[in-house]
Amino acid sequence: MPNTQPSANVASTIKKVVPNVSDPQQLPVSDEDRDNFASAGWLTEDFSGQLAVDVYQTEKEIVVKSTIAGVRPEDLDISINNDMVTIRGKREKDFTAENAEYLFKECFWGGFSRSIILPTEIKVDKAQASLKNGVLTITLPKVPRANKVKVIKVNEES
């Protein structure tokens, strides 16, 4: 069972977070802060960042776009399950800032995911994804809707 009593380190981290809650860009994301929350059992190891997306639809398709600079195609997993598309990935931190004090630390490094509920049925076998200049584009062709109206004649029974 996780320790639910905040340690001095967690309390210190909370004091840094509380004044900045209204500005998510200023939330502390240092490894030390994350470790403090994890040691108190307040974070799980699979802590994930959420991916920002734009989703729009045309008559024939749904398009999902997301800026994911620094992510290689092999570090992405896109799955479609019924009416939901899920994007998972990992942005690897390939540097260390030794003997340095961060002035800002706004970039997210690590795992991220996002699930989007789709408003209509899509042709799963025709879905495509591409990555160009750090922008992920997922194109999901819609299943055509049958808008046929059938008029039924009412027969009078005797």
N, C-alpha and C. Protein backbone atom coordinates (compact mmCIF):
# COMPACT_ATOMS: atom_id res chain seq x y z
N MET A 1 0.86 -1.19 0.00
CA MET A 1 0.00 0.00 0.00
C MET A 1 0.89 1.24 0.00
N PRO A 2 0.59 2.23 -0.85
CA PRO A 2 1.44 3.40 -0.92
C PRO A 2 1.39 4.23 0.35
N ASN A 3 2.48 4.89 0.62
CA ASN A 3 2.56 5.81 1.75
C ASN A 3 1.73 7.04 1.40
N THR A 4 0.71 7.35 2.19
CA THR A 4 -0.16 8.48 1.89
C THR A 4 0.22 9.73 2.66
N GLN A 5 1.22 9.64 3.53
CA GLN A 5 1.68 10.80 4.26
C GLN A 5 2.73 11.54 3.44
N PRO A 6 2.51 12.84 3.17
CA PRO A 6 3.49 13.56 2.37
C PRO A 6 4.81 13.71 3.11
N SER A 7 5.88 13.45 2.40
CA SER A 7 7.21 13.67 2.98
C SER A 7 7.53 15.16 2.86
N ALA A 8 8.64 15.56 3.45
CA ALA A 8 9.06 16.96 3.35
C ALA A 8 9.29 17.34 1.89
N ASN A 9 9.84 16.40 1.10
CA ASN A 9 10.09 16.68 -0.32
C ASN A 9 8.78 16.89 -1.08
N VAL A 10 7.77 16.05 -0.80
CA VAL A 10 6.48 16.19 -1.47
C VAL A 10 5.84 17.51 -1.07
N ALA A 11 5.89 17.83 0.22
CA ALA A 11 5.31 19.09 0.69
C ALA A 11 5.98 20.28 0.00
N SER A 12 7.29 20.22 -0.16
CA SER A 12 8.03 21.28 -0.86
C SER A 12 7.57 21.39 -2.31
N THR A 13 7.40 20.25 -2.95
CA THR A 13 6.94 20.23 -4.34
C THR A 13 5.54 20.82 -4.46
N ILE A 14 4.65 20.45 -3.54
CA ILE A 14 3.28 20.98 -3.57
C ILE A 14 3.30 22.49 -3.43
N LYS A 15 4.15 23.02 -2.56
CA LYS A 15 4.23 24.47 -2.38
C LYS A 15 4.64 25.16 -3.68
N LYS A 16 5.48 24.49 -4.47
CA LYS A 16 5.87 25.07 -5.76
C LYS A 16 4.73 24.99 -6.77
N VAL A 17 3.92 23.94 -6.69
CA VAL A 17 2.85 23.73 -7.66
C VAL A 17 1.66 24.65 -7.41
N VAL A 18 1.23 24.77 -6.18
CA VAL A 18 -0.01 25.45 -5.86
C VAL A 18 -0.09 26.87 -6.41
N PRO A 19 0.93 27.72 -6.28
CA PRO A 19 0.79 29.06 -6.82
C PRO A 19 0.69 29.09 -8.34
N ASN A 20 1.10 28.02 -9.01
CA ASN A 20 1.18 28.02 -10.46
C ASN A 20 0.09 27.20 -11.14
N VAL A 21 -0.88 26.73 -10.40
CA VAL A 21 -1.88 25.83 -10.97
C VAL A 21 -2.63 26.49 -12.13
N SER A 22 -2.84 27.80 -12.07
CA SER A 22 -3.59 28.47 -13.14
C SER A 22 -2.80 28.56 -14.44
N ASP A 23 -1.51 28.31 -14.39
CA ASP A 23 -0.67 28.37 -15.59
C ASP A 23 0.04 27.04 -15.77
N PRO A 24 -0.56 26.11 -16.56
CA PRO A 24 0.02 24.77 -16.70
C PRO A 24 1.45 24.78 -17.23
N GLN A 25 1.82 25.80 -17.99
CA GLN A 25 3.18 25.85 -18.53
C GLN A 25 4.22 26.03 -17.41
N GLN A 26 3.79 26.50 -16.26
CA GLN A 26 4.73 26.76 -15.18
C GLN A 26 4.76 25.66 -14.12
N LEU A 27 4.01 24.58 -14.33
CA LEU A 27 4.03 23.49 -13.36
C LEU A 27 5.40 22.82 -13.35
N PRO A 28 5.91 22.47 -12.17
CA PRO A 28 7.23 21.83 -12.14
C PRO A 28 7.15 20.43 -12.73
N VAL A 29 8.10 20.12 -13.56
CA VAL A 29 8.14 18.78 -14.16
C VAL A 29 9.53 18.18 -14.02
N SER A 30 10.28 18.66 -13.05
CA SER A 30 11.63 18.14 -12.89
C SER A 30 11.60 16.69 -12.46
N ASP A 31 12.66 15.99 -12.76
CA ASP A 31 12.76 14.59 -12.36
C ASP A 31 12.64 14.46 -10.85
N GLU A 32 13.24 15.39 -10.12
CA GLU A 32 13.18 15.34 -8.66
C GLU A 32 11.74 15.48 -8.16
N ASP A 33 11.00 16.44 -8.73
CA ASP A 33 9.61 16.63 -8.33
C ASP A 33 8.78 15.39 -8.65
N ARG A 34 8.98 14.83 -9.82
CA ARG A 34 8.23 13.64 -10.23
C ARG A 34 8.56 12.47 -9.29
N ASP A 35 9.84 12.34 -8.94
CA ASP A 35 10.26 11.28 -8.02
C ASP A 35 9.62 11.46 -6.65
N ASN A 36 9.50 12.72 -6.20
CA ASN A 36 8.88 12.99 -4.90
C ASN A 36 7.43 12.52 -4.88
N PHE A 37 6.68 12.83 -5.93
CA PHE A 37 5.29 12.38 -6.01
C PHE A 37 5.22 10.87 -6.11
N ALA A 38 6.09 10.27 -6.91
CA ALA A 38 6.08 8.81 -7.08
C ALA A 38 6.40 8.10 -5.77
N SER A 39 7.35 8.62 -5.01
CA SER A 39 7.73 7.96 -3.75
C SER A 39 6.59 8.00 -2.74
N ALA A 40 5.71 8.97 -2.86
CA ALA A 40 4.56 9.05 -1.96
C ALA A 40 3.40 8.21 -2.49
N GLY A 41 3.59 7.57 -3.65
CA GLY A 41 2.54 6.75 -4.23
C GLY A 41 1.48 7.56 -4.96
N TRP A 42 1.78 8.82 -5.27
CA TRP A 42 0.80 9.69 -5.91
C TRP A 42 0.90 9.67 -7.42
N LEU A 43 1.93 9.09 -7.95
CA LEU A 43 2.08 8.93 -9.40
C LEU A 43 2.39 7.48 -9.67
N THR A 44 1.88 6.97 -10.76
CA THR A 44 2.25 5.63 -11.16
C THR A 44 3.40 5.73 -12.14
N GLU A 45 4.10 4.64 -12.34
CA GLU A 45 5.25 4.65 -13.24
C GLU A 45 4.86 4.93 -14.68
N ASP A 46 3.63 4.61 -15.05
CA ASP A 46 3.23 4.83 -16.44
C ASP A 46 2.60 6.20 -16.65
N PHE A 47 3.02 7.19 -15.84
CA PHE A 47 2.54 8.56 -15.99
C PHE A 47 2.71 8.99 -17.44
N SER A 48 1.63 9.46 -18.05
CA SER A 48 1.67 9.83 -19.45
C SER A 48 1.25 11.27 -19.64
N GLY A 49 1.87 11.91 -20.59
CA GLY A 49 1.44 13.23 -20.99
C GLY A 49 0.28 13.09 -21.95
N GLN A 50 -0.54 14.11 -22.02
CA GLN A 50 -1.65 14.05 -22.95
C GLN A 50 -1.27 14.79 -24.22
N LEU A 51 -1.67 14.24 -25.32
CA LEU A 51 -1.35 14.77 -26.63
C LEU A 51 -2.42 15.75 -27.07
N ALA A 52 -2.02 16.95 -27.50
CA ALA A 52 -2.97 17.93 -28.03
C ALA A 52 -3.27 17.58 -29.48
N VAL A 53 -4.55 17.66 -29.85
CA VAL A 53 -4.95 17.29 -31.21
C VAL A 53 -5.93 18.31 -31.78
N ASP A 54 -5.98 18.37 -33.10
CA ASP A 54 -7.05 19.03 -33.84
C ASP A 54 -7.77 17.91 -34.58
N VAL A 55 -9.09 17.89 -34.52
CA VAL A 55 -9.88 16.88 -35.22
C VAL A 55 -10.95 17.61 -36.02
N TYR A 56 -11.02 17.32 -37.31
CA TYR A 56 -12.07 17.90 -38.13
C TYR A 56 -12.60 16.85 -39.09
N GLN A 57 -13.77 17.13 -39.66
CA GLN A 57 -14.35 16.18 -40.60
C GLN A 57 -14.82 16.90 -41.85
N THR A 58 -14.76 16.17 -42.94
CA THR A 58 -15.34 16.62 -44.19
C THR A 58 -16.48 15.65 -44.49
N GLU A 59 -17.06 15.78 -45.64
CA GLU A 59 -18.13 14.87 -46.02
C GLU A 59 -17.64 13.42 -46.09
N LYS A 60 -16.36 13.23 -46.46
CA LYS A 60 -15.85 11.88 -46.72
C LYS A 60 -14.88 11.33 -45.68
N GLU A 61 -14.34 12.18 -44.79
CA GLU A 61 -13.33 11.67 -43.87
C GLU A 61 -13.25 12.48 -42.59
N ILE A 62 -12.62 11.86 -41.59
CA ILE A 62 -12.26 12.52 -40.34
C ILE A 62 -10.75 12.63 -40.35
N VAL A 63 -10.23 13.79 -39.97
CA VAL A 63 -8.78 14.01 -39.96
C VAL A 63 -8.36 14.41 -38.55
N VAL A 64 -7.31 13.75 -38.07
CA VAL A 64 -6.73 14.06 -36.76
C VAL A 64 -5.33 14.59 -37.02
N LYS A 65 -5.00 15.76 -36.45
CA LYS A 65 -3.66 16.33 -36.60
C LYS A 65 -3.11 16.62 -35.21
N SER A 66 -1.81 16.39 -35.07
CA SER A 66 -1.15 16.66 -33.80
C SER A 66 0.31 17.01 -34.03
N THR A 67 0.79 17.98 -33.29
CA THR A 67 2.22 18.31 -33.36
C THR A 67 2.95 17.40 -32.40
N ILE A 68 3.85 16.61 -32.94
CA ILE A 68 4.61 15.67 -32.11
C ILE A 68 6.09 15.72 -32.49
N ALA A 69 6.62 16.93 -32.54
CA ALA A 69 8.03 17.10 -32.88
C ALA A 69 8.90 16.28 -31.95
N GLY A 70 9.94 15.70 -32.52
CA GLY A 70 10.88 14.92 -31.73
C GLY A 70 10.49 13.47 -31.53
N VAL A 71 9.40 13.04 -32.16
CA VAL A 71 8.96 11.65 -32.05
C VAL A 71 9.18 10.96 -33.38
N ARG A 72 9.84 9.81 -33.33
CA ARG A 72 10.09 9.03 -34.55
C ARG A 72 8.86 8.18 -34.86
N PRO A 73 8.61 7.91 -36.15
CA PRO A 73 7.45 7.07 -36.51
C PRO A 73 7.45 5.72 -35.79
N GLU A 74 8.62 5.13 -35.58
CA GLU A 74 8.67 3.83 -34.90
C GLU A 74 8.33 3.92 -33.42
N ASP A 75 8.26 5.14 -32.87
CA ASP A 75 7.88 5.34 -31.48
C ASP A 75 6.40 5.68 -31.32
N LEU A 76 5.63 5.53 -32.40
CA LEU A 76 4.20 5.80 -32.38
C LEU A 76 3.40 4.52 -32.56
N ASP A 77 2.26 4.45 -31.89
CA ASP A 77 1.33 3.34 -32.04
C ASP A 77 -0.06 3.94 -32.18
N ILE A 78 -0.69 3.70 -33.31
CA ILE A 78 -2.04 4.21 -33.55
C ILE A 78 -2.96 3.01 -33.71
N SER A 79 -4.03 2.98 -32.92
CA SER A 79 -4.97 1.86 -33.01
C SER A 79 -6.40 2.39 -33.09
N ILE A 80 -7.23 1.61 -33.75
CA ILE A 80 -8.65 1.94 -33.88
C ILE A 80 -9.44 0.77 -33.31
N ASN A 81 -10.32 1.08 -32.36
CA ASN A 81 -11.14 0.06 -31.72
C ASN A 81 -12.58 0.58 -31.69
N ASN A 82 -13.43 -0.03 -32.51
CA ASN A 82 -14.83 0.40 -32.62
C ASN A 82 -14.91 1.87 -33.00
N ASP A 83 -15.38 2.72 -32.09
CA ASP A 83 -15.55 4.14 -32.41
C ASP A 83 -14.47 5.02 -31.79
N MET A 84 -13.30 4.46 -31.53
CA MET A 84 -12.24 5.22 -30.87
C MET A 84 -10.90 5.00 -31.55
N VAL A 85 -10.17 6.10 -31.74
CA VAL A 85 -8.80 6.01 -32.23
C VAL A 85 -7.89 6.42 -31.07
N THR A 86 -6.83 5.65 -30.86
CA THR A 86 -5.89 5.92 -29.78
C THR A 86 -4.50 6.10 -30.36
N ILE A 87 -3.85 7.18 -29.92
CA ILE A 87 -2.48 7.48 -30.33
C ILE A 87 -1.61 7.34 -29.09
N ARG A 88 -0.59 6.50 -29.17
CA ARG A 88 0.37 6.34 -28.07
C ARG A 88 1.76 6.55 -28.64
N GLY A 89 2.62 7.10 -27.83
CA GLY A 89 3.98 7.28 -28.29
C GLY A 89 4.91 7.62 -27.15
N LYS A 90 6.15 7.85 -27.54
CA LYS A 90 7.17 8.17 -26.56
C LYS A 90 8.14 9.18 -27.18
N ARG A 91 8.41 10.24 -26.44
CA ARG A 91 9.39 11.24 -26.86
C ARG A 91 10.62 11.03 -25.97
N GLU A 92 11.68 10.53 -26.59
CA GLU A 92 12.90 10.21 -25.84
C GLU A 92 13.74 11.46 -25.60
N LYS A 93 14.19 11.60 -24.40
CA LYS A 93 15.10 12.69 -24.06
C LYS A 93 16.51 12.19 -24.35
N ASP A 94 17.16 12.78 -25.34
CA ASP A 94 18.47 12.28 -25.76
C ASP A 94 19.62 13.18 -25.30
N PHE A 95 19.38 13.93 -24.23
CA PHE A 95 20.43 14.79 -23.70
C PHE A 95 20.25 14.92 -22.19
N THR A 96 21.30 15.34 -21.53
CA THR A 96 21.22 15.67 -20.11
C THR A 96 21.85 17.03 -19.91
N ALA A 97 21.30 17.78 -19.01
CA ALA A 97 21.83 19.10 -18.70
C ALA A 97 22.57 19.00 -17.36
N GLU A 98 23.77 18.43 -17.43
CA GLU A 98 24.55 18.23 -16.20
C GLU A 98 25.09 19.56 -15.70
N ASN A 99 25.12 19.68 -14.39
CA ASN A 99 25.63 20.89 -13.73
C ASN A 99 24.91 22.13 -14.22
N ALA A 100 23.63 22.02 -14.48
CA ALA A 100 22.85 23.15 -14.97
C ALA A 100 21.58 23.29 -14.14
N GLU A 101 21.12 24.52 -14.02
CA GLU A 101 19.86 24.79 -13.34
C GLU A 101 18.86 25.26 -14.39
N TYR A 102 17.76 24.53 -14.52
CA TYR A 102 16.75 24.91 -15.51
C TYR A 102 16.10 26.23 -15.11
N LEU A 103 15.95 27.11 -16.06
CA LEU A 103 15.18 28.34 -15.86
C LEU A 103 13.73 28.10 -16.26
N PHE A 104 13.52 27.31 -17.29
CA PHE A 104 12.20 26.84 -17.73
C PHE A 104 12.34 25.38 -18.10
N LYS A 105 11.33 24.60 -17.81
CA LYS A 105 11.33 23.20 -18.22
C LYS A 105 9.90 22.87 -18.62
N GLU A 106 9.56 23.18 -19.87
CA GLU A 106 8.19 23.05 -20.34
C GLU A 106 7.99 21.88 -21.29
N CYS A 107 9.06 21.34 -21.83
CA CYS A 107 8.94 20.23 -22.78
C CYS A 107 8.62 18.94 -22.05
N PHE A 108 7.75 18.15 -22.65
CA PHE A 108 7.41 16.87 -22.05
C PHE A 108 8.25 15.78 -22.69
N TRP A 109 8.90 14.98 -21.87
CA TRP A 109 9.70 13.84 -22.33
C TRP A 109 9.11 12.60 -21.69
N GLY A 110 8.92 11.59 -22.48
CA GLY A 110 8.37 10.34 -21.95
C GLY A 110 7.17 9.90 -22.76
N GLY A 111 6.36 9.03 -22.14
CA GLY A 111 5.21 8.47 -22.82
C GLY A 111 4.02 9.42 -22.85
N PHE A 112 3.24 9.33 -23.90
CA PHE A 112 2.02 10.12 -24.01
C PHE A 112 0.95 9.27 -24.70
N SER A 113 -0.29 9.65 -24.51
CA SER A 113 -1.38 8.96 -25.21
C SER A 113 -2.58 9.87 -25.31
N ARG A 114 -3.42 9.55 -26.26
CA ARG A 114 -4.67 10.29 -26.44
C ARG A 114 -5.66 9.38 -27.15
N SER A 115 -6.87 9.30 -26.62
CA SER A 115 -7.95 8.55 -27.25
C SER A 115 -9.03 9.52 -27.66
N ILE A 116 -9.55 9.32 -28.87
CA ILE A 116 -10.55 10.22 -29.42
C ILE A 116 -11.76 9.38 -29.84
N ILE A 117 -12.92 9.75 -29.34
CA ILE A 117 -14.15 9.06 -29.75
C ILE A 117 -14.58 9.64 -31.09
N LEU A 118 -14.81 8.76 -32.04
CA LEU A 118 -15.17 9.18 -33.39
C LEU A 118 -16.69 9.35 -33.50
N PRO A 119 -17.14 10.36 -34.24
CA PRO A 119 -18.58 10.63 -34.32
C PRO A 119 -19.34 9.74 -35.30
N THR A 120 -18.61 8.98 -36.10
CA THR A 120 -19.26 8.14 -37.11
C THR A 120 -18.39 6.93 -37.41
N GLU A 121 -18.97 5.95 -38.07
CA GLU A 121 -18.23 4.74 -38.42
C GLU A 121 -17.22 5.06 -39.53
N ILE A 122 -16.05 4.44 -39.43
CA ILE A 122 -15.01 4.67 -40.43
C ILE A 122 -14.59 3.36 -41.09
N LYS A 123 -13.93 3.49 -42.23
CA LYS A 123 -13.37 2.34 -42.94
C LYS A 123 -11.99 2.06 -42.35
N VAL A 124 -11.93 1.18 -41.38
CA VAL A 124 -10.68 0.91 -40.65
C VAL A 124 -9.57 0.48 -41.60
N ASP A 125 -9.88 -0.34 -42.58
CA ASP A 125 -8.85 -0.84 -43.49
C ASP A 125 -8.30 0.22 -44.44
N LYS A 126 -8.94 1.38 -44.50
CA LYS A 126 -8.49 2.47 -45.38
C LYS A 126 -7.83 3.61 -44.59
N ALA A 127 -7.73 3.48 -43.27
CA ALA A 127 -7.12 4.52 -42.44
C ALA A 127 -5.64 4.67 -42.78
N GLN A 128 -5.15 5.91 -42.74
CA GLN A 128 -3.74 6.19 -43.05
C GLN A 128 -3.19 7.18 -42.04
N ALA A 129 -1.87 7.11 -41.83
CA ALA A 129 -1.19 8.06 -40.96
C ALA A 129 0.12 8.46 -41.60
N SER A 130 0.48 9.73 -41.43
CA SER A 130 1.76 10.21 -41.95
C SER A 130 2.35 11.21 -40.96
N LEU A 131 3.66 11.34 -41.01
CA LEU A 131 4.38 12.26 -40.14
C LEU A 131 5.26 13.13 -41.02
N LYS A 132 5.01 14.44 -41.00
CA LYS A 132 5.79 15.36 -41.82
C LYS A 132 6.09 16.62 -41.02
N ASN A 133 7.37 16.95 -40.92
CA ASN A 133 7.82 18.15 -40.20
C ASN A 133 7.25 18.23 -38.79
N GLY A 134 7.18 17.09 -38.10
CA GLY A 134 6.72 17.07 -36.72
C GLY A 134 5.21 17.12 -36.54
N VAL A 135 4.46 17.02 -37.65
CA VAL A 135 3.00 17.02 -37.56
C VAL A 135 2.48 15.65 -37.99
N LEU A 136 1.76 15.01 -37.09
CA LEU A 136 1.12 13.72 -37.38
C LEU A 136 -0.25 13.99 -37.98
N THR A 137 -0.54 13.34 -39.10
CA THR A 137 -1.85 13.45 -39.74
C THR A 137 -2.43 12.05 -39.89
N ILE A 138 -3.61 11.84 -39.31
CA ILE A 138 -4.32 10.56 -39.43
C ILE A 138 -5.58 10.84 -40.24
N THR A 139 -5.74 10.11 -41.34
CA THR A 139 -6.91 10.27 -42.20
C THR A 139 -7.78 9.03 -42.08
N LEU A 140 -9.03 9.24 -41.70
CA LEU A 140 -9.96 8.14 -41.43
C LEU A 140 -11.18 8.29 -42.35
N PRO A 141 -11.21 7.54 -43.46
CA PRO A 141 -12.36 7.63 -44.38
C PRO A 141 -13.64 7.15 -43.70
N LYS A 142 -14.72 7.89 -43.93
CA LYS A 142 -16.02 7.53 -43.34
C LYS A 142 -16.70 6.44 -44.16
N VAL A 143 -17.49 5.64 -43.47
CA VAL A 143 -18.37 4.69 -44.14
C VAL A 143 -19.56 5.51 -44.64
N PRO A 144 -19.88 5.42 -45.94
CA PRO A 144 -21.01 6.22 -46.45
C PRO A 144 -22.31 5.84 -45.74
N ARG A 145 -23.07 6.85 -45.43
CA ARG A 145 -24.36 6.62 -44.80
C ARG A 145 -25.41 6.39 -45.88
N ALA A 146 -26.26 5.45 -45.63
CA ALA A 146 -27.35 5.18 -46.57
C ALA A 146 -28.51 6.09 -46.20
N ASN A 147 -28.75 7.09 -47.02
CA ASN A 147 -29.84 8.03 -46.76
C ASN A 147 -31.04 7.73 -47.66
N LYS A 148 -31.22 6.49 -47.98
CA LYS A 148 -32.34 6.12 -48.85
C LYS A 148 -33.63 6.13 -48.04
N VAL A 149 -34.62 6.72 -48.62
CA VAL A 149 -35.94 6.74 -48.00
C VAL A 149 -36.83 5.82 -48.81
N LYS A 150 -37.49 4.95 -48.13
CA LYS A 150 -38.40 4.03 -48.81
C LYS A 150 -39.82 4.38 -48.38
N VAL A 151 -40.65 4.59 -49.36
CA VAL A 151 -42.05 4.88 -49.09
C VAL A 151 -42.80 3.55 -49.11
N ILE A 152 -43.56 3.31 -48.08
CA ILE A 152 -44.31 2.05 -47.97
C ILE A 152 -45.79 2.35 -48.20
N LYS A 153 -46.34 1.66 -49.15
CA LYS A 153 -47.76 1.82 -49.45
C LYS A 153 -48.57 1.05 -48.42
N VAL A 154 -49.58 1.69 -47.93
CA VAL A 154 -50.46 1.06 -46.95
C VAL A 154 -51.65 0.46 -47.70
N ASN A 155 -51.82 -0.83 -47.55
CA ASN A 155 -52.94 -1.53 -48.19
C ASN A 155 -54.09 -1.65 -47.21
N GLU A 156 -55.25 -1.44 -47.73
CA GLU A 156 -56.44 -1.57 -46.89
C GLU A 156 -56.88 -3.02 -46.91
N GLU A 157 -57.06 -3.57 -45.73
CA GLU A 157 -57.52 -4.96 -45.63
C GLU A 157 -59.03 -4.96 -45.53
N SER A 158 -59.63 -5.95 -46.13
CA SER A 158 -61.09 -6.03 -46.05
C SER A 158 -61.55 -7.02 -45.02
